[in-house]
Amino acid sequence: MTTQAQSQDLSLSPFDLVKVILSVLLLTAGVVGFYWYPEYSVLYRTLALIGMVLVAAGLFFATAPGRMLWAFIQEARAELRKVTWPTRQETIHTTLMVVVMVVIVGLILWLFDSLFLWLVKLLTGQGV
């Protein structure tokens, strides 16, 4: 997102590695627990799963890779705000042009298919 080339150290400290592994284990435990206990209400299992995902995400974002990911997300959001989105009128016109082109290309392919079918029938003696 920035114009400067950034060289980031991608090596993990042992403490960060433990936190990443723990966050993956928590996430896995949440998903496994959701399906392991079908006798409990779906509401309770879903709330427990959401809680585990939030704890795992919080733990992951406390690591160096998590902070780098969060910085990337923030930069992506900043770039998204700079996008000039088309107006409703432009979107409708573009959609109509795409639909018209799809119909035209479909008709052309149908004509070629019909022509080739007629030629094959003529060459194989099946045509009248």
C-alpha atoms as a PDB file:
ATOM      1  CA  MET A   1       0.000   0.000   0.000  1.00  0.00           C
ATOM      2  CA  THR A   2       2.893   2.321   0.652  1.00  0.00           C
ATOM      3  CA  THR A   3       5.230   3.278  -2.136  1.00  0.00           C
ATOM      4  CA  GLN A   4       8.329   2.363  -0.182  1.00  0.00           C
ATOM      5  CA  ALA A   5       9.607  -1.171  -0.281  1.00  0.00           C
ATOM      6  CA  GLN A   6       9.482  -2.566   3.200  1.00  0.00           C
ATOM      7  CA  SER A   7      11.525  -5.532   4.290  1.00  0.00           C
ATOM      8  CA  GLN A   8       9.845  -7.203   7.232  1.00  0.00           C
ATOM      9  CA  ASP A   9      11.502  -9.816   9.372  1.00  0.00           C
ATOM     10  CA  LEU A  10       9.199 -12.823   9.027  1.00  0.00           C
ATOM     11  CA  SER A  11      10.885 -14.909  11.707  1.00  0.00           C
ATOM     12  CA  LEU A  12       8.810 -15.605  14.805  1.00  0.00           C
ATOM     13  CA  SER A  13      10.041 -15.241  18.324  1.00  0.00           C
ATOM     14  CA  PRO A  14       9.505 -18.360  20.431  1.00  0.00           C
ATOM     15  CA  PHE A  15       6.823 -16.566  22.466  1.00  0.00           C
ATOM     16  CA  ASP A  16       4.989 -15.495  19.279  1.00  0.00           C
ATOM     17  CA  LEU A  17       5.200 -19.041  17.951  1.00  0.00           C
ATOM     18  CA  VAL A  18       3.621 -20.357  21.147  1.00  0.00           C
ATOM     19  CA  LYS A  19       0.826 -17.759  20.872  1.00  0.00           C
ATOM     20  CA  VAL A  20       0.152 -18.633  17.205  1.00  0.00           C
ATOM     21  CA  ILE A  21       0.035 -22.351  17.979  1.00  0.00           C
ATOM     22  CA  LEU A  22      -2.214 -21.715  20.979  1.00  0.00           C
ATOM     23  CA  SER A  23      -4.580 -19.577  18.891  1.00  0.00           C
ATOM     24  CA  VAL A  24      -4.815 -22.320  16.247  1.00  0.00           C
ATOM     25  CA  LEU A  25      -5.473 -24.889  18.952  1.00  0.00           C
ATOM     26  CA  LEU A  26      -8.175 -22.713  20.519  1.00  0.00           C
ATOM     27  CA  LEU A  27      -9.837 -22.234  17.145  1.00  0.00           C
ATOM     28  CA  THR A  28      -9.666 -25.960  16.447  1.00  0.00           C
ATOM     29  CA  ALA A  29     -11.045 -26.769  19.892  1.00  0.00           C
ATOM     30  CA  GLY A  30     -13.946 -24.393  19.298  1.00  0.00           C
ATOM     31  CA  VAL A  31     -14.886 -25.996  15.983  1.00  0.00           C
ATOM     32  CA  VAL A  32     -14.450 -29.541  17.303  1.00  0.00           C
ATOM     33  CA  GLY A  33     -16.443 -28.697  20.430  1.00  0.00           C
ATOM     34  CA  PHE A  34     -19.255 -27.273  18.318  1.00  0.00           C
ATOM     35  CA  TYR A  35     -19.727 -30.623  16.569  1.00  0.00           C
ATOM     36  CA  TRP A  36     -18.725 -32.839  19.504  1.00  0.00           C
ATOM     37  CA  TYR A  37     -21.641 -31.784  21.700  1.00  0.00           C
ATOM     38  CA  PRO A  38     -24.783 -31.951  19.531  1.00  0.00           C
ATOM     39  CA  GLU A  39     -26.951 -32.560  22.607  1.00  0.00           C
ATOM     40  CA  TYR A  40     -26.503 -28.939  23.703  1.00  0.00           C
ATOM     41  CA  SER A  41     -28.494 -26.098  22.182  1.00  0.00           C
ATOM     42  CA  VAL A  42     -27.224 -24.648  18.927  1.00  0.00           C
ATOM     43  CA  LEU A  43     -27.360 -21.209  20.547  1.00  0.00           C
ATOM     44  CA  TYR A  44     -24.963 -22.209  23.335  1.00  0.00           C
ATOM     45  CA  ARG A  45     -22.613 -24.007  20.947  1.00  0.00           C
ATOM     46  CA  THR A  46     -22.594 -21.014  18.593  1.00  0.00           C
ATOM     47  CA  LEU A  47     -21.910 -18.578  21.425  1.00  0.00           C
ATOM     48  CA  ALA A  48     -19.072 -20.795  22.657  1.00  0.00           C
ATOM     49  CA  LEU A  49     -17.644 -21.001  19.134  1.00  0.00           C
ATOM     50  CA  ILE A  50     -17.823 -17.228  18.677  1.00  0.00           C
ATOM     51  CA  GLY A  51     -16.112 -16.783  22.059  1.00  0.00           C
ATOM     52  CA  MET A  52     -13.326 -19.177  21.093  1.00  0.00           C
ATOM     53  CA  VAL A  53     -12.857 -17.430  17.734  1.00  0.00           C
ATOM     54  CA  LEU A  54     -12.635 -14.037  19.449  1.00  0.00           C
ATOM     55  CA  VAL A  55     -10.115 -15.292  22.013  1.00  0.00           C
ATOM     56  CA  ALA A  56      -8.053 -16.996  19.293  1.00  0.00           C
ATOM     57  CA  ALA A  57      -8.146 -13.856  17.120  1.00  0.00           C
ATOM     58  CA  GLY A  58      -7.150 -11.663  20.062  1.00  0.00           C
ATOM     59  CA  LEU A  59      -4.265 -13.974  20.863  1.00  0.00           C
ATOM     60  CA  PHE A  60      -3.156 -14.074  17.219  1.00  0.00           C
ATOM     61  CA  PHE A  61      -3.313 -10.292  16.817  1.00  0.00           C
ATOM     62  CA  ALA A  62      -1.009 -10.002  19.855  1.00  0.00           C
ATOM     63  CA  THR A  63       1.812 -11.588  17.793  1.00  0.00           C
ATOM     64  CA  ALA A  64       4.128  -9.913  15.285  1.00  0.00           C
ATOM     65  CA  PRO A  65       2.424 -11.561  12.260  1.00  0.00           C
ATOM     66  CA  GLY A  66      -0.942 -10.566  13.702  1.00  0.00           C
ATOM     67  CA  ARG A  67       0.153  -6.949  14.032  1.00  0.00           C
ATOM     68  CA  MET A  68       1.469  -7.032  10.456  1.00  0.00           C
ATOM     69  CA  LEU A  69      -1.872  -8.456   9.276  1.00  0.00           C
ATOM     70  CA  TRP A  70      -3.766  -5.773  11.195  1.00  0.00           C
ATOM     71  CA  ALA A  71      -1.579  -3.047   9.633  1.00  0.00           C
ATOM     72  CA  PHE A  72      -2.274  -4.525   6.189  1.00  0.00           C
ATOM     73  CA  ILE A  73      -6.022  -4.523   6.866  1.00  0.00           C
ATOM     74  CA  GLN A  74      -5.887  -0.878   7.972  1.00  0.00           C
ATOM     75  CA  GLU A  75      -3.924   0.111   4.851  1.00  0.00           C
ATOM     76  CA  ALA A  76      -6.382  -1.801   2.650  1.00  0.00           C
ATOM     77  CA  ARG A  77      -9.299   0.042   4.271  1.00  0.00           C
ATOM     78  CA  ALA A  78      -7.545   3.372   3.659  1.00  0.00           C
ATOM     79  CA  GLU A  79      -7.041   2.483  -0.006  1.00  0.00           C
ATOM     80  CA  LEU A  80     -10.663   1.357  -0.283  1.00  0.00           C
ATOM     81  CA  ARG A  81     -11.803   4.796   0.861  1.00  0.00           C
ATOM     82  CA  LYS A  82      -9.896   6.312  -2.079  1.00  0.00           C
ATOM     83  CA  VAL A  83     -11.826   4.295  -4.677  1.00  0.00           C
ATOM     84  CA  THR A  84     -14.227   6.234  -6.878  1.00  0.00           C
ATOM     85  CA  TRP A  85     -17.322   4.060  -7.051  1.00  0.00           C
ATOM     86  CA  PRO A  86     -19.610   4.213 -10.102  1.00  0.00           C
ATOM     87  CA  THR A  87     -22.954   5.930  -9.838  1.00  0.00           C
ATOM     88  CA  ARG A  88     -26.206   3.983  -9.997  1.00  0.00           C
ATOM     89  CA  GLN A  89     -26.742   5.167 -13.584  1.00  0.00           C
ATOM     90  CA  GLU A  90     -23.267   3.970 -14.650  1.00  0.00           C
ATOM     91  CA  THR A  91     -23.811   0.613 -12.967  1.00  0.00           C
ATOM     92  CA  ILE A  92     -27.156   0.096 -14.702  1.00  0.00           C
ATOM     93  CA  HIS A  93     -25.740   1.035 -18.128  1.00  0.00           C
ATOM     94  CA  THR A  94     -22.738  -1.236 -17.692  1.00  0.00           C
ATOM     95  CA  THR A  95     -24.937  -4.126 -16.570  1.00  0.00           C
ATOM     96  CA  LEU A  96     -27.241  -3.656 -19.549  1.00  0.00           C
ATOM     97  CA  MET A  97     -24.260  -3.587 -21.924  1.00  0.00           C
ATOM     98  CA  VAL A  98     -22.979  -6.846 -20.425  1.00  0.00           C
ATOM     99  CA  VAL A  99     -26.404  -8.490 -20.753  1.00  0.00           C
ATOM    100  CA  VAL A 100     -26.747  -7.346 -24.377  1.00  0.00           C
ATOM    101  CA  MET A 101     -23.258  -8.626 -25.230  1.00  0.00           C
ATOM    102  CA  VAL A 102     -23.975 -11.982 -23.584  1.00  0.00           C
ATOM    103  CA  VAL A 103     -27.158 -12.333 -25.642  1.00  0.00           C
ATOM    104  CA  ILE A 104     -25.339 -11.366 -28.862  1.00  0.00           C
ATOM    105  CA  VAL A 105     -22.457 -13.775 -28.238  1.00  0.00           C
ATOM    106  CA  GLY A 106     -24.959 -16.490 -27.266  1.00  0.00           C
ATOM    107  CA  LEU A 107     -26.824 -16.019 -30.553  1.00  0.00           C
ATOM    108  CA  ILE A 108     -23.589 -16.102 -32.546  1.00  0.00           C
ATOM    109  CA  LEU A 109     -22.492 -19.319 -30.816  1.00  0.00           C
ATOM    110  CA  TRP A 110     -25.940 -20.839 -31.393  1.00  0.00           C
ATOM    111  CA  LEU A 111     -25.699 -19.978 -35.105  1.00  0.00           C
ATOM    112  CA  PHE A 112     -22.223 -21.513 -35.386  1.00  0.00           C
ATOM    113  CA  ASP A 113     -23.413 -24.599 -33.522  1.00  0.00           C
ATOM    114  CA  SER A 114     -26.398 -24.946 -35.850  1.00  0.00           C
ATOM    115  CA  LEU A 115     -24.153 -24.486 -38.901  1.00  0.00           C
ATOM    116  CA  PHE A 116     -21.665 -27.106 -37.696  1.00  0.00           C
ATOM    117  CA  LEU A 117     -24.488 -29.507 -36.837  1.00  0.00           C
ATOM    118  CA  TRP A 118     -25.928 -29.091 -40.343  1.00  0.00           C
ATOM    119  CA  LEU A 119     -22.460 -29.622 -41.904  1.00  0.00           C
ATOM    120  CA  VAL A 120     -21.803 -32.769 -39.851  1.00  0.00           C
ATOM    121  CA  LYS A 121     -25.207 -34.191 -40.763  1.00  0.00           C
ATOM    122  CA  LEU A 122     -24.538 -33.380 -44.423  1.00  0.00           C
ATOM    123  CA  LEU A 123     -21.071 -34.985 -44.364  1.00  0.00           C
ATOM    124  CA  THR A 124     -22.224 -38.134 -42.543  1.00  0.00           C
ATOM    125  CA  GLY A 125     -25.273 -38.614 -44.724  1.00  0.00           C
ATOM    126  CA  GLN A 126     -27.764 -38.049 -41.920  1.00  0.00           C
ATOM    127  CA  GLY A 127     -29.091 -34.786 -43.391  1.00  0.00           C
ATOM    128  CA  VAL A 128     -32.127 -34.730 -45.653  1.00  0.00           C
END
